[in-house]
């Protein structure tokens, strides 16, 4: 029975998965968060970045040149269209000082932490 039901996703009941785009990594150090997103083949002018104290949004459009009308696809995995990704930040950030750069298809967003989110050194008083 499992084999019979497992085969349903192969035929007419199969749905096209949208996937998550762009793929991102979020890292941090004491002063900043670093959000890196894979955007191969996308121009910087086709990407918008917006930020609040708790979220970063990357949106834009991937454009793929159309094939000839007579082209037959043997595999079609690259899709064109609009995308949007909202990343919830682990701590408050300073949206006014965010910087972004794109190199070799990787968008790197440097996000300064808000003062209240930065670790503080606490001195110990002795008597």
PDB file of N, CA and C in Angstrom:
ATOM      1  N   UNK A   1       0.820  -1.190   0.000  1.00  0.00           N
ATOM      2  CA  UNK A   1       0.000   0.000   0.000  1.00  0.00           C
ATOM      3  C   UNK A   1       0.863   1.251   0.000  1.00  0.00           C
ATOM      4  N   UNK A   2       1.983   1.225   0.785  1.00  0.00           N
ATOM      5  CA  UNK A   2       2.882   2.369   0.825  1.00  0.00           C
ATOM      6  C   UNK A   2       3.469   2.672  -0.548  1.00  0.00           C
ATOM      7  N   UNK A   3       3.835   1.607  -1.274  1.00  0.00           N
ATOM      8  CA  UNK A   3       4.382   1.824  -2.611  1.00  0.00           C
ATOM      9  C   UNK A   3       3.353   2.438  -3.533  1.00  0.00           C
ATOM     10  N   UNK A   4       2.110   2.011  -3.423  1.00  0.00           N
ATOM     11  CA  UNK A   4       1.044   2.549  -4.257  1.00  0.00           C
ATOM     12  C   UNK A   4       0.818   4.022  -3.951  1.00  0.00           C
ATOM     13  N   UNK A   5       0.717   4.377  -2.681  1.00  0.00           N
ATOM     14  CA  UNK A   5       0.474   5.770  -2.295  1.00  0.00           C
ATOM     15  C   UNK A   5       1.696   6.648  -2.555  1.00  0.00           C
ATOM     16  N   UNK A   6       2.894   6.074  -2.393  1.00  0.00           N
ATOM     17  CA  UNK A   6       4.117   6.839  -2.633  1.00  0.00           C
ATOM     18  C   UNK A   6       4.264   7.253  -4.079  1.00  0.00           C
ATOM     19  N   UNK A   7       3.650   6.519  -4.995  1.00  0.00           N
ATOM     20  CA  UNK A   7       3.754   6.847  -6.406  1.00  0.00           C
ATOM     21  C   UNK A   7       2.837   7.969  -6.850  1.00  0.00           C
ATOM     22  N   UNK A   8       1.927   8.383  -5.985  1.00  0.00           N
ATOM     23  CA  UNK A   8       0.988   9.432  -6.384  1.00  0.00           C
ATOM     24  C   UNK A   8       1.670  10.758  -6.663  1.00  0.00           C
ATOM     25  N   UNK A   9       2.788  11.027  -5.988  1.00  0.00           N
ATOM     26  CA  UNK A   9       3.459  12.307  -6.218  1.00  0.00           C
ATOM     27  C   UNK A   9       4.227  12.329  -7.537  1.00  0.00           C
ATOM     28  N   UNK A  10       4.292  11.203  -8.230  1.00  0.00           N
ATOM     29  CA  UNK A  10       5.002  11.140  -9.493  1.00  0.00           C
ATOM     30  C   UNK A  10       4.111  11.474 -10.693  1.00  0.00           C
ATOM     31  N   UNK A  11       2.830  11.314 -10.551  1.00  0.00           N
ATOM     32  CA  UNK A  11       1.946  11.452 -11.703  1.00  0.00           C
ATOM     33  C   UNK A  11       1.114  12.712 -11.679  1.00  0.00           C
ATOM     34  N   UNK A  12      -0.197  12.541 -11.897  1.00  0.00           N
ATOM     35  CA  UNK A  12      -1.082  13.683 -12.057  1.00  0.00           C
ATOM     36  C   UNK A  12      -1.263  14.490 -10.781  1.00  0.00           C
ATOM     37  N   UNK A  13      -0.953  13.903  -9.619  1.00  0.00           N
ATOM     38  CA  UNK A  13      -1.130  14.610  -8.348  1.00  0.00           C
ATOM     39  C   UNK A  13       0.102  15.420  -7.959  1.00  0.00           C
ATOM     40  N   UNK A  14       1.118  15.354  -8.770  1.00  0.00           N
ATOM     41  CA  UNK A  14       2.362  16.052  -8.445  1.00  0.00           C
ATOM     42  C   UNK A  14       2.166  17.558  -8.614  1.00  0.00           C
ATOM     43  N   UNK A  15       2.641  18.316  -7.641  1.00  0.00           N
ATOM     44  CA  UNK A  15       2.587  19.770  -7.732  1.00  0.00           C
ATOM     45  C   UNK A  15       3.995  20.318  -7.842  1.00  0.00           C
ATOM     46  N   UNK A  16       4.113  21.420  -8.537  1.00  0.00           N
ATOM     47  CA  UNK A  16       5.401  22.079  -8.714  1.00  0.00           C
ATOM     48  C   UNK A  16       5.763  22.813  -7.437  1.00  0.00           C
ATOM     49  N   UNK A  17       6.891  22.496  -6.832  1.00  0.00           N
ATOM     50  CA  UNK A  17       7.336  23.185  -5.630  1.00  0.00           C
ATOM     51  C   UNK A  17       7.969  24.521  -5.975  1.00  0.00           C
ATOM     52  N   UNK A  18       7.605  25.553  -5.244  1.00  0.00           N
ATOM     53  CA  UNK A  18       8.138  26.872  -5.518  1.00  0.00           C
ATOM     54  C   UNK A  18       9.544  27.027  -4.957  1.00  0.00           C
ATOM     55  N   UNK A  19       9.867  26.297  -3.891  1.00  0.00           N
ATOM     56  CA  UNK A  19      11.171  26.440  -3.282  1.00  0.00           C
ATOM     57  C   UNK A  19      11.279  27.756  -2.542  1.00  0.00           C
ATOM     58  N   UNK A  20      12.420  27.984  -1.952  1.00  0.00           N
ATOM     59  CA  UNK A  20      12.669  29.223  -1.231  1.00  0.00           C
ATOM     60  C   UNK A  20      13.768  29.954  -1.978  1.00  0.00           C
ATOM     61  N   UNK A  21      13.485  31.162  -2.384  1.00  0.00           N
ATOM     62  CA  UNK A  21      14.448  31.944  -3.134  1.00  0.00           C
ATOM     63  C   UNK A  21      14.402  33.369  -2.642  1.00  0.00           C
ATOM     64  N   UNK A  22      15.520  33.985  -2.405  1.00  0.00           N
ATOM     65  CA  UNK A  22      16.864  33.440  -2.509  1.00  0.00           C
ATOM     66  C   UNK A  22      17.271  32.670  -1.255  1.00  0.00           C
ATOM     67  N   UNK A  23      18.242  31.783  -1.426  1.00  0.00           N
ATOM     68  CA  UNK A  23      18.805  31.070  -0.284  1.00  0.00           C
ATOM     69  C   UNK A  23      19.643  32.063   0.512  1.00  0.00           C
ATOM     70  N   UNK A  24      19.553  32.013   1.840  1.00  0.00           N
ATOM     71  CA  UNK A  24      20.276  32.982   2.669  1.00  0.00           C
ATOM     72  C   UNK A  24      21.009  32.296   3.818  1.00  0.00           C
ATOM     73  N   UNK A  25      22.063  32.957   4.284  1.00  0.00           N
ATOM     74  CA  UNK A  25      22.756  32.630   5.526  1.00  0.00           C
ATOM     75  C   UNK A  25      22.734  33.891   6.370  1.00  0.00           C
ATOM     76  N   UNK A  26      22.504  33.745   7.668  1.00  0.00           N
ATOM     77  CA  UNK A  26      22.516  34.871   8.598  1.00  0.00           C
ATOM     78  C   UNK A  26      23.509  34.553   9.705  1.00  0.00           C
ATOM     79  N   UNK A  27      24.550  35.389   9.830  1.00  0.00           N
ATOM     80  CA  UNK A  27      25.568  35.205  10.858  1.00  0.00           C
ATOM     81  C   UNK A  27      25.698  36.504  11.642  1.00  0.00           C
ATOM     82  N   UNK A  28      26.466  36.445  12.726  1.00  0.00           N
ATOM     83  CA  UNK A  28      26.646  37.652  13.519  1.00  0.00           C
ATOM     84  C   UNK A  28      27.998  37.658  14.206  1.00  0.00           C
ATOM     85  N   UNK A  29      28.441  38.869  14.579  1.00  0.00           N
ATOM     86  CA  UNK A  29      29.551  39.052  15.490  1.00  0.00           C
ATOM     87  C   UNK A  29      29.069  40.033  16.561  1.00  0.00           C
ATOM     88  N   UNK A  30      29.961  40.624  17.334  1.00  0.00           N
ATOM     89  CA  UNK A  30      29.534  41.497  18.430  1.00  0.00           C
ATOM     90  C   UNK A  30      28.798  42.742  17.959  1.00  0.00           C
ATOM     91  N   UNK A  31      29.163  43.265  16.800  1.00  0.00           N
ATOM     92  CA  UNK A  31      28.637  44.547  16.336  1.00  0.00           C
ATOM     93  C   UNK A  31      27.579  44.447  15.233  1.00  0.00           C
ATOM     94  N   UNK A  32      27.612  43.372  14.439  1.00  0.00           N
ATOM     95  CA  UNK A  32      26.781  43.296  13.235  1.00  0.00           C
ATOM     96  C   UNK A  32      26.155  41.918  13.036  1.00  0.00           C
ATOM     97  N   UNK A  33      25.089  41.911  12.232  1.00  0.00           N
ATOM     98  CA  UNK A  33      24.577  40.702  11.605  1.00  0.00           C
ATOM     99  C   UNK A  33      25.021  40.777  10.141  1.00  0.00           C
ATOM    100  N   UNK A  34      25.218  39.626   9.519  1.00  0.00           N
ATOM    101  CA  UNK A  34      25.579  39.569   8.107  1.00  0.00           C
ATOM    102  C   UNK A  34      24.594  38.641   7.416  1.00  0.00           C
ATOM    103  N   UNK A  35      23.864  39.183   6.479  1.00  0.00           N
ATOM    104  CA  UNK A  35      22.893  38.410   5.714  1.00  0.00           C
ATOM    105  C   UNK A  35      23.456  38.256   4.313  1.00  0.00           C
ATOM    106  N   UNK A  36      23.666  37.003   3.903  1.00  0.00           N
ATOM    107  CA  UNK A  36      24.191  36.732   2.564  1.00  0.00           C
ATOM    108  C   UNK A  36      23.138  35.948   1.793  1.00  0.00           C
ATOM    109  N   UNK A  37      22.825  36.452   0.604  1.00  0.00           N
ATOM    110  CA  UNK A  37      21.787  35.831  -0.225  1.00  0.00           C
ATOM    111  C   UNK A  37      22.353  35.508  -1.598  1.00  0.00           C
ATOM    112  N   UNK A  38      22.032  34.337  -2.096  1.00  0.00           N
ATOM    113  CA  UNK A  38      22.461  33.932  -3.435  1.00  0.00           C
ATOM    114  C   UNK A  38      21.495  34.505  -4.461  1.00  0.00           C
ATOM    115  N   UNK A  39      22.023  35.325  -5.357  1.00  0.00           N
ATOM    116  CA  UNK A  39      21.202  35.936  -6.412  1.00  0.00           C
ATOM    117  C   UNK A  39      21.912  35.828  -7.761  1.00  0.00           C
ATOM    118  N   UNK A  40      22.230  34.615  -8.209  1.00  0.00           N
ATOM    119  CA  UNK A  40      22.963  34.493  -9.472  1.00  0.00           C
ATOM    120  C   UNK A  40      22.152  35.002 -10.661  1.00  0.00           C
ATOM    121  N   UNK A  41      22.819  35.777 -11.486  1.00  0.00           N
ATOM    122  CA  UNK A  41      22.189  36.262 -12.713  1.00  0.00           C
ATOM    123  C   UNK A  41      21.190  37.379 -12.524  1.00  0.00           C
ATOM    124  N   UNK A  42      21.077  37.926 -11.333  1.00  0.00           N
ATOM    125  CA  UNK A  42      20.121  39.007 -11.080  1.00  0.00           C
ATOM    126  C   UNK A  42      20.882  40.309 -10.927  1.00  0.00           C
ATOM    127  N   UNK A  43      20.441  41.332 -11.644  1.00  0.00           N
ATOM    128  CA  UNK A  43      21.060  42.644 -11.572  1.00  0.00           C
ATOM    129  C   UNK A  43      20.680  43.337 -10.272  1.00  0.00           C
ATOM    130  N   UNK A  44      21.605  44.114  -9.707  1.00  0.00           N
ATOM    131  CA  UNK A  44      21.334  44.852  -8.474  1.00  0.00           C
ATOM    132  C   UNK A  44      20.131  45.783  -8.636  1.00  0.00           C
ATOM    133  N   UNK A  45      19.917  46.290  -9.826  1.00  0.00           N
ATOM    134  CA  UNK A  45      18.783  47.187 -10.069  1.00  0.00           C
ATOM    135  C   UNK A  45      17.439  46.460  -9.996  1.00  0.00           C
ATOM    136  N   UNK A  46      17.459  45.125 -10.033  1.00  0.00           N
ATOM    137  CA  UNK A  46      16.230  44.333  -9.948  1.00  0.00           C
ATOM    138  C   UNK A  46      15.948  43.839  -8.528  1.00  0.00           C
ATOM    139  N   UNK A  47      16.718  44.324  -7.537  1.00  0.00           N
ATOM    140  CA  UNK A  47      16.572  43.884  -6.151  1.00  0.00           C
ATOM    141  C   UNK A  47      16.258  45.086  -5.270  1.00  0.00           C
ATOM    142  N   UNK A  48      15.306  44.915  -4.354  1.00  0.00           N
ATOM    143  CA  UNK A  48      14.972  45.929  -3.358  1.00  0.00           C
ATOM    144  C   UNK A  48      15.214  45.339  -1.979  1.00  0.00           C
ATOM    145  N   UNK A  49      15.780  46.161  -1.099  1.00  0.00           N
ATOM    146  CA  UNK A  49      16.013  45.755   0.288  1.00  0.00           C
ATOM    147  C   UNK A  49      15.322  46.776   1.174  1.00  0.00           C
ATOM    148  N   UNK A  50      14.529  46.299   2.123  1.00  0.00           N
ATOM    149  CA  UNK A  50      13.923  47.195   3.104  1.00  0.00           C
ATOM    150  C   UNK A  50      14.139  46.605   4.487  1.00  0.00           C
ATOM    151  N   UNK A  51      14.108  47.485   5.506  1.00  0.00           N
ATOM    152  CA  UNK A  51      14.423  47.026   6.849  1.00  0.00           C
ATOM    153  C   UNK A  51      13.591  47.755   7.888  1.00  0.00           C
ATOM    154  N   UNK A  52      13.278  47.018   8.942  1.00  0.00           N
ATOM    155  CA  UNK A  52      12.703  47.591  10.154  1.00  0.00           C
ATOM    156  C   UNK A  52      13.652  47.210  11.284  1.00  0.00           C
ATOM    157  N   UNK A  53      13.288  47.525  12.507  1.00  0.00           N
ATOM    158  CA  UNK A  53      14.141  47.175  13.641  1.00  0.00           C
ATOM    159  C   UNK A  53      14.240  45.669  13.847  1.00  0.00           C
ATOM    160  N   UNK A  54      13.302  44.894  13.282  1.00  0.00           N
ATOM    161  CA  UNK A  54      13.286  43.438  13.513  1.00  0.00           C
ATOM    162  C   UNK A  54      13.261  42.579  12.247  1.00  0.00           C
ATOM    163  N   UNK A  55      13.134  43.188  11.048  1.00  0.00           N
ATOM    164  CA  UNK A  55      13.070  42.381   9.828  1.00  0.00           C
ATOM    165  C   UNK A  55      13.876  43.011   8.695  1.00  0.00           C
ATOM    166  N   UNK A  56      14.347  42.143   7.803  1.00  0.00           N
ATOM    167  CA  UNK A  56      14.974  42.560   6.552  1.00  0.00           C
ATOM    168  C   UNK A  56      14.182  41.882   5.440  1.00  0.00           C
ATOM    169  N   UNK A  57      13.796  42.652   4.438  1.00  0.00           N
ATOM    170  CA  UNK A  57      13.059  42.100   3.304  1.00  0.00           C
ATOM    171  C   UNK A  57      13.886  42.262   2.034  1.00  0.00           C
ATOM    172  N   UNK A  58      14.069  41.163   1.331  1.00  0.00           N
ATOM    173  CA  UNK A  58      14.744  41.169   0.031  1.00  0.00           C
ATOM    174  C   UNK A  58      13.696  40.787  -0.998  1.00  0.00           C
ATOM    175  N   UNK A  59      13.460  41.652  -1.968  1.00  0.00           N
ATOM    176  CA  UNK A  59      12.486  41.344  -3.006  1.00  0.00           C
ATOM    177  C   UNK A  59      13.036  41.806  -4.347  1.00  0.00           C
ATOM    178  N   UNK A  60      12.457  41.291  -5.394  1.00  0.00           N
ATOM    179  CA  UNK A  60      12.914  41.676  -6.720  1.00  0.00           C
ATOM    180  C   UNK A  60      12.312  40.800  -7.787  1.00  0.00           C
ATOM    181  N   UNK A  61      13.008  40.753  -8.894  1.00  0.00           N
ATOM    182  CA  UNK A  61      12.517  39.968 -10.021  1.00  0.00           C
ATOM    183  C   UNK A  61      13.676  39.300 -10.734  1.00  0.00           C
ATOM    184  N   UNK A  62      13.509  38.001 -10.990  1.00  0.00           N
ATOM    185  CA  UNK A  62      14.475  37.259 -11.784  1.00  0.00           C
ATOM    186  C   UNK A  62      13.951  37.211 -13.205  1.00  0.00           C
ATOM    187  N   UNK A  63      14.782  37.656 -14.129  1.00  0.00           N
ATOM    188  CA  UNK A  63      14.395  37.663 -15.545  1.00  0.00           C
ATOM    189  C   UNK A  63      15.273  36.671 -16.294  1.00  0.00           C
ATOM    190  N   UNK A  64      14.615  35.806 -17.035  1.00  0.00           N
ATOM    191  CA  UNK A  64      15.322  34.818 -17.842  1.00  0.00           C
ATOM    192  C   UNK A  64      14.889  35.031 -19.280  1.00  0.00           C
ATOM    193  N   UNK A  65      15.845  35.172 -20.193  1.00  0.00           N
ATOM    194  CA  UNK A  65      15.468  35.377 -21.592  1.00  0.00           C
ATOM    195  C   UNK A  65      14.592  34.237 -22.107  1.00  0.00           C
ATOM    196  N   UNK A  66      13.618  34.578 -22.894  1.00  0.00           N
ATOM    197  CA  UNK A  66      12.696  33.580 -23.454  1.00  0.00           C
ATOM    198  C   UNK A  66      13.414  32.716 -24.490  1.00  0.00           C
ATOM    199  N   UNK A  67      13.023  31.459 -24.519  1.00  0.00           N
ATOM    200  CA  UNK A  67      13.555  30.543 -25.528  1.00  0.00           C
ATOM    201  C   UNK A  67      12.798  30.744 -26.841  1.00  0.00           C
ATOM    202  N   UNK A  68      13.357  30.210 -27.901  1.00  0.00           N
ATOM    203  CA  UNK A  68      12.657  30.251 -29.180  1.00  0.00           C
ATOM    204  C   UNK A  68      11.360  29.455 -29.079  1.00  0.00           C
ATOM    205  N   UNK A  69      10.392  29.811 -29.882  1.00  0.00           N
ATOM    206  CA  UNK A  69       9.097  29.116 -29.848  1.00  0.00           C
ATOM    207  C   UNK A  69       9.233  27.642 -30.185  1.00  0.00           C
ATOM    208  N   UNK A  70      10.227  27.303 -30.973  1.00  0.00           N
ATOM    209  CA  UNK A  70      10.390  25.905 -31.387  1.00  0.00           C
ATOM    210  C   UNK A  70      11.207  25.088 -30.384  1.00  0.00           C
ATOM    211  N   UNK A  71      11.703  25.722 -29.331  1.00  0.00           N
ATOM    212  CA  UNK A  71      12.536  25.006 -28.354  1.00  0.00           C
ATOM    213  C   UNK A  71      11.701  23.983 -27.589  1.00  0.00           C
ATOM    214  N   UNK A  72      12.272  22.792 -27.417  1.00  0.00           N
ATOM    215  CA  UNK A  72      11.647  21.760 -26.599  1.00  0.00           C
ATOM    216  C   UNK A  72      12.445  21.625 -25.317  1.00  0.00           C
ATOM    217  N   UNK A  73      11.779  21.679 -24.197  1.00  0.00           N
ATOM    218  CA  UNK A  73      12.456  21.532 -22.910  1.00  0.00           C
ATOM    219  C   UNK A  73      12.622  20.061 -22.580  1.00  0.00           C
ATOM    220  N   UNK A  74      13.798  19.692 -22.119  1.00  0.00           N
ATOM    221  CA  UNK A  74      14.044  18.362 -21.581  1.00  0.00           C
ATOM    222  C   UNK A  74      14.078  18.427 -20.059  1.00  0.00           C
ATOM    223  N   UNK A  75      14.394  19.591 -19.550  1.00  0.00           N
ATOM    224  CA  UNK A  75      14.382  19.850 -18.110  1.00  0.00           C
ATOM    225  C   UNK A  75      14.170  21.352 -17.945  1.00  0.00           C
ATOM    226  N   UNK A  76      13.261  21.712 -17.050  1.00  0.00           N
ATOM    227  CA  UNK A  76      13.007  23.133 -16.799  1.00  0.00           C
ATOM    228  C   UNK A  76      12.950  23.353 -15.292  1.00  0.00           C
ATOM    229  N   UNK A  77      14.031  23.897 -14.746  1.00  0.00           N
ATOM    230  CA  UNK A  77      14.118  24.135 -13.314  1.00  0.00           C
ATOM    231  C   UNK A  77      14.285  25.606 -12.987  1.00  0.00           C
ATOM    232  N   UNK A  78      14.777  26.390 -13.911  1.00  0.00           N
ATOM    233  CA  UNK A  78      14.982  27.817 -13.681  1.00  0.00           C
ATOM    234  C   UNK A  78      13.705  28.567 -14.057  1.00  0.00           C
ATOM    235  N   UNK A  79      13.175  29.281 -13.107  1.00  0.00           N
ATOM    236  CA  UNK A  79      11.955  30.032 -13.347  1.00  0.00           C
ATOM    237  C   UNK A  79      12.219  31.524 -13.227  1.00  0.00           C
ATOM    238  N   UNK A  80      11.476  32.287 -13.953  1.00  0.00           N
ATOM    239  CA  UNK A  80      11.535  33.738 -13.866  1.00  0.00           C
ATOM    240  C   UNK A  80      10.349  34.210 -13.036  1.00  0.00           C
ATOM    241  N   UNK A  81      10.462  35.417 -12.537  1.00  0.00           N
ATOM    242  CA  UNK A  81       9.334  35.985 -11.811  1.00  0.00           C
ATOM    243  C   UNK A  81       9.763  36.767 -10.591  1.00  0.00           C
ATOM    244  N   UNK A  82       8.773  37.293  -9.908  1.00  0.00           N
ATOM    245  CA  UNK A  82       9.007  38.100  -8.711  1.00  0.00           C
ATOM    246  C   UNK A  82       9.264  37.191  -7.508  1.00  0.00           C
ATOM    247  N   UNK A  83      10.069  37.694  -6.587  1.00  0.00           N
ATOM    248  CA  UNK A  83      10.337  36.969  -5.360  1.00  0.00           C
ATOM    249  C   UNK A  83      10.376  37.963  -4.202  1.00  0.00           C
ATOM    250  N   UNK A  84      10.151  37.447  -3.011  1.00  0.00           N
ATOM    251  CA  UNK A  84      10.235  38.259  -1.808  1.00  0.00           C
ATOM    252  C   UNK A  84      10.554  37.338  -0.641  1.00  0.00           C
ATOM    253  N   UNK A  85      11.471  37.768   0.180  1.00  0.00           N
ATOM    254  CA  UNK A  85      11.897  36.978   1.329  1.00  0.00           C
ATOM    255  C   UNK A  85      11.999  37.896   2.531  1.00  0.00           C
ATOM    256  N   UNK A  86      11.294  37.594   3.613  1.00  0.00           N
ATOM    257  CA  UNK A  86      11.349  38.376   4.847  1.00  0.00           C
ATOM    258  C   UNK A  86      12.126  37.564   5.875  1.00  0.00           C
ATOM    259  N   UNK A  87      13.187  38.164   6.400  1.00  0.00           N
ATOM    260  CA  UNK A  87      14.031  37.510   7.385  1.00  0.00           C
ATOM    261  C   UNK A  87      13.793  38.179   8.728  1.00  0.00           C
ATOM    262  N   UNK A  88      13.355  37.404   9.721  1.00  0.00           N
ATOM    263  CA  UNK A  88      13.183  37.925  11.076  1.00  0.00           C
ATOM    264  C   UNK A  88      14.537  37.925  11.762  1.00  0.00           C
ATOM    265  N   UNK A  89      14.921  39.073  12.290  1.00  0.00           N
ATOM    266  CA  UNK A  89      16.214  39.209  12.942  1.00  0.00           C
ATOM    267  C   UNK A  89      16.126  38.719  14.393  1.00  0.00           C
ATOM    268  N   UNK A  90      17.207  38.108  14.900  1.00  0.00           N
ATOM    269  CA  UNK A  90      17.191  37.600  16.269  1.00  0.00           C
ATOM    270  C   UNK A  90      17.161  38.704  17.324  1.00  0.00           C
ATOM    271  N   UNK A  91      17.682  39.893  17.002  1.00  0.00           N
ATOM    272  CA  UNK A  91      17.696  41.035  17.902  1.00  0.00           C
ATOM    273  C   UNK A  91      17.410  42.295  17.099  1.00  0.00           C
ATOM    274  N   UNK A  92      17.193  43.395  17.819  1.00  0.00           N
ATOM    275  CA  UNK A  92      16.925  44.675  17.163  1.00  0.00           C
ATOM    276  C   UNK A  92      18.155  45.135  16.378  1.00  0.00           C
ATOM    277  N   UNK A  93      17.896  45.795  15.246  1.00  0.00           N
ATOM    278  CA  UNK A  93      18.969  46.305  14.396  1.00  0.00           C
ATOM    279  C   UNK A  93      18.789  47.799  14.181  1.00  0.00           C
ATOM    280  N   UNK A  94      19.815  48.415  13.604  1.00  0.00           N
ATOM    281  CA  UNK A  94      19.774  49.832  13.294  1.00  0.00           C
ATOM    282  C   UNK A  94      19.563  49.984  11.786  1.00  0.00           C
ATOM    283  N   UNK A  95      18.318  50.153  11.323  1.00  0.00           N
ATOM    284  CA  UNK A  95      18.044  50.182   9.879  1.00  0.00           C
ATOM    285  C   UNK A  95      18.722  51.329   9.145  1.00  0.00           C
ATOM    286  N   UNK A  96      19.005  52.434   9.824  1.00  0.00           N
ATOM    287  CA  UNK A  96      19.579  53.604   9.162  1.00  0.00           C
ATOM    288  C   UNK A  96      21.016  53.377   8.701  1.00  0.00           C
ATOM    289  N   UNK A  97      21.703  52.395   9.242  1.00  0.00           N
ATOM    290  CA  UNK A  97      23.112  52.195   8.907  1.00  0.00           C
ATOM    291  C   UNK A  97      23.389  50.892   8.157  1.00  0.00           C
ATOM    292  N   UNK A  98      22.358  50.278   7.603  1.00  0.00           N
ATOM    293  CA  UNK A  98      22.538  49.028   6.857  1.00  0.00           C
ATOM    294  C   UNK A  98      23.225  49.316   5.527  1.00  0.00           C
ATOM    295  N   UNK A  99      24.166  48.465   5.157  1.00  0.00           N
ATOM    296  CA  UNK A  99      24.868  48.580   3.878  1.00  0.00           C
ATOM    297  C   UNK A  99      24.731  47.264   3.120  1.00  0.00           C
ATOM    298  N   UNK A 100      24.732  47.361   1.788  1.00  0.00           N
ATOM    299  CA  UNK A 100      24.611  46.158   0.963  1.00  0.00           C
ATOM    300  C   UNK A 100      25.554  46.247  -0.223  1.00  0.00           C
ATOM    301  N   UNK A 101      26.095  45.096  -0.606  1.00  0.00           N
ATOM    302  CA  UNK A 101      26.905  45.025  -1.817  1.00  0.00           C
ATOM    303  C   UNK A 101      26.694  43.664  -2.461  1.00  0.00           C
ATOM    304  N   UNK A 102      26.864  43.619  -3.769  1.00  0.00           N
ATOM    305  CA  UNK A 102      26.678  42.374  -4.506  1.00  0.00           C
ATOM    306  C   UNK A 102      27.952  42.070  -5.279  1.00  0.00           C
ATOM    307  N   UNK A 103      28.462  40.858  -5.091  1.00  0.00           N
ATOM    308  CA  UNK A 103      29.674  40.439  -5.792  1.00  0.00           C
ATOM    309  C   UNK A 103      29.550  38.966  -6.143  1.00  0.00           C
ATOM    310  N   UNK A 104      29.805  38.639  -7.391  1.00  0.00           N
ATOM    311  CA  UNK A 104      29.778  37.257  -7.878  1.00  0.00           C
ATOM    312  C   UNK A 104      28.463  36.548  -7.569  1.00  0.00           C
ATOM    313  N   UNK A 105      27.344  37.269  -7.667  1.00  0.00           N
ATOM    314  CA  UNK A 105      26.035  36.671  -7.464  1.00  0.00           C
ATOM    315  C   UNK A 105      25.633  36.486  -6.018  1.00  0.00           C
ATOM    316  N   UNK A 106      26.441  37.016  -5.081  1.00  0.00           N
ATOM    317  CA  UNK A 106      26.103  36.919  -3.660  1.00  0.00           C
ATOM    318  C   UNK A 106      25.889  38.330  -3.116  1.00  0.00           C
ATOM    319  N   UNK A 107      24.688  38.569  -2.618  1.00  0.00           N
ATOM    320  CA  UNK A 107      24.343  39.836  -1.990  1.00  0.00           C
ATOM    321  C   UNK A 107      24.726  39.739  -0.522  1.00  0.00           C
ATOM    322  N   UNK A 108      25.558  40.671  -0.043  1.00  0.00           N
ATOM    323  CA  UNK A 108      25.955  40.709   1.366  1.00  0.00           C
ATOM    324  C   UNK A 108      25.395  41.975   1.985  1.00  0.00           C
ATOM    325  N   UNK A 109      24.571  41.807   3.010  1.00  0.00           N
ATOM    326  CA  UNK A 109      23.966  42.929   3.711  1.00  0.00           C
ATOM    327  C   UNK A 109      24.596  42.970   5.103  1.00  0.00           C
ATOM    328  N   UNK A 110      25.236  44.092   5.425  1.00  0.00           N
ATOM    329  CA  UNK A 110      25.850  44.287   6.734  1.00  0.00           C
ATOM    330  C   UNK A 110      24.874  45.089   7.580  1.00  0.00           C
ATOM    331  N   UNK A 111      24.444  44.509   8.677  1.00  0.00           N
ATOM    332  CA  UNK A 111      23.351  45.059   9.480  1.00  0.00           C
ATOM    333  C   UNK A 111      23.866  45.359  10.887  1.00  0.00           C
ATOM    334  N   UNK A 112      24.055  46.641  11.228  1.00  0.00           N
ATOM    335  CA  UNK A 112      24.513  46.964  12.578  1.00  0.00           C
ATOM    336  C   UNK A 112      23.446  46.628  13.617  1.00  0.00           C
ATOM    337  N   UNK A 113      23.899  46.093  14.729  1.00  0.00           N
ATOM    338  CA  UNK A 113      22.977  45.811  15.832  1.00  0.00           C
ATOM    339  C   UNK A 113      22.580  47.122  16.508  1.00  0.00           C
ATOM    340  N   UNK A 114      21.376  47.182  17.016  1.00  0.00           N
ATOM    341  CA  UNK A 114      20.952  48.319  17.817  1.00  0.00           C
ATOM    342  C   UNK A 114      21.741  48.296  19.125  1.00  0.00           C
ATOM    343  N   UNK A 115      21.950  49.454  19.697  1.00  0.00           N
ATOM    344  CA  UNK A 115      22.749  49.537  20.922  1.00  0.00           C
ATOM    345  C   UNK A 115      22.235  48.597  22.013  1.00  0.00           C
ATOM    346  N   UNK A 116      20.928  48.507  22.161  1.00  0.00           N
ATOM    347  CA  UNK A 116      20.386  47.645  23.218  1.00  0.00           C
ATOM    348  C   UNK A 116      20.593  46.161  22.942  1.00  0.00           C
ATOM    349  N   UNK A 117      20.912  45.806  21.693  1.00  0.00           N
ATOM    350  CA  UNK A 117      21.117  44.402  21.349  1.00  0.00           C
ATOM    351  C   UNK A 117      22.574  43.981  21.468  1.00  0.00           C
ATOM    352  N   UNK A 118      23.493  44.955  21.582  1.00  0.00           N
ATOM    353  CA  UNK A 118      24.913  44.626  21.672  1.00  0.00           C
ATOM    354  C   UNK A 118      25.251  44.116  23.077  1.00  0.00           C
ATOM    355  N   UNK A 119      26.149  43.151  23.141  1.00  0.00           N
ATOM    356  CA  UNK A 119      26.553  42.669  24.468  1.00  0.00           C
ATOM    357  C   UNK A 119      27.310  43.759  25.223  1.00  0.00           C
ATOM    358  N   UNK A 120      27.057  43.840  26.499  1.00  0.00           N
ATOM    359  CA  UNK A 120      27.737  44.840  27.337  1.00  0.00           C
ATOM    360  C   UNK A 120      28.636  44.125  28.332  1.00  0.00           C
ATOM    361  N   UNK A 121      29.768  44.730  28.579  1.00  0.00           N
ATOM    362  CA  UNK A 121      30.682  44.227  29.596  1.00  0.00           C
ATOM    363  C   UNK A 121      30.249  44.830  30.929  1.00  0.00           C
ATOM    364  N   UNK A 122      29.996  43.996  31.905  1.00  0.00           N
ATOM    365  CA  UNK A 122      29.556  44.441  33.219  1.00  0.00           C
ATOM    366  C   UNK A 122      30.746  44.332  34.176  1.00  0.00           C
ATOM    367  N   UNK A 123      31.080  45.456  34.791  1.00  0.00           N
ATOM    368  CA  UNK A 123      32.186  45.437  35.748  1.00  0.00           C
ATOM    369  C   UNK A 123      31.681  44.988  37.112  1.00  0.00           C
ATOM    370  N   UNK A 124      32.527  44.304  37.814  1.00  0.00           N
ATOM    371  CA  UNK A 124      32.167  43.797  39.155  1.00  0.00           C
ATOM    372  C   UNK A 124      32.801  44.714  40.178  1.00  0.00           C
ATOM    373  N   UNK A 125      31.978  45.229  41.063  1.00  0.00           N
ATOM    374  CA  UNK A 125      32.482  46.108  42.117  1.00  0.00           C
ATOM    375  C   UNK A 125      32.909  45.257  43.308  1.00  0.00           C
ATOM    376  N   UNK A 126      33.994  45.658  43.873  1.00  0.00           N
ATOM    377  CA  UNK A 126      34.473  44.969  45.068  1.00  0.00           C
ATOM    378  C   UNK A 126      34.456  45.945  46.238  1.00  0.00           C
ATOM    379  N   UNK A 127      34.300  45.438  47.439  1.00  0.00           N
ATOM    380  CA  UNK A 127      34.239  46.337  48.593  1.00  0.00           C
ATOM    381  C   UNK A 127      35.555  46.391  49.333  1.00  0.00           C
TER     382      UNK A 127
END
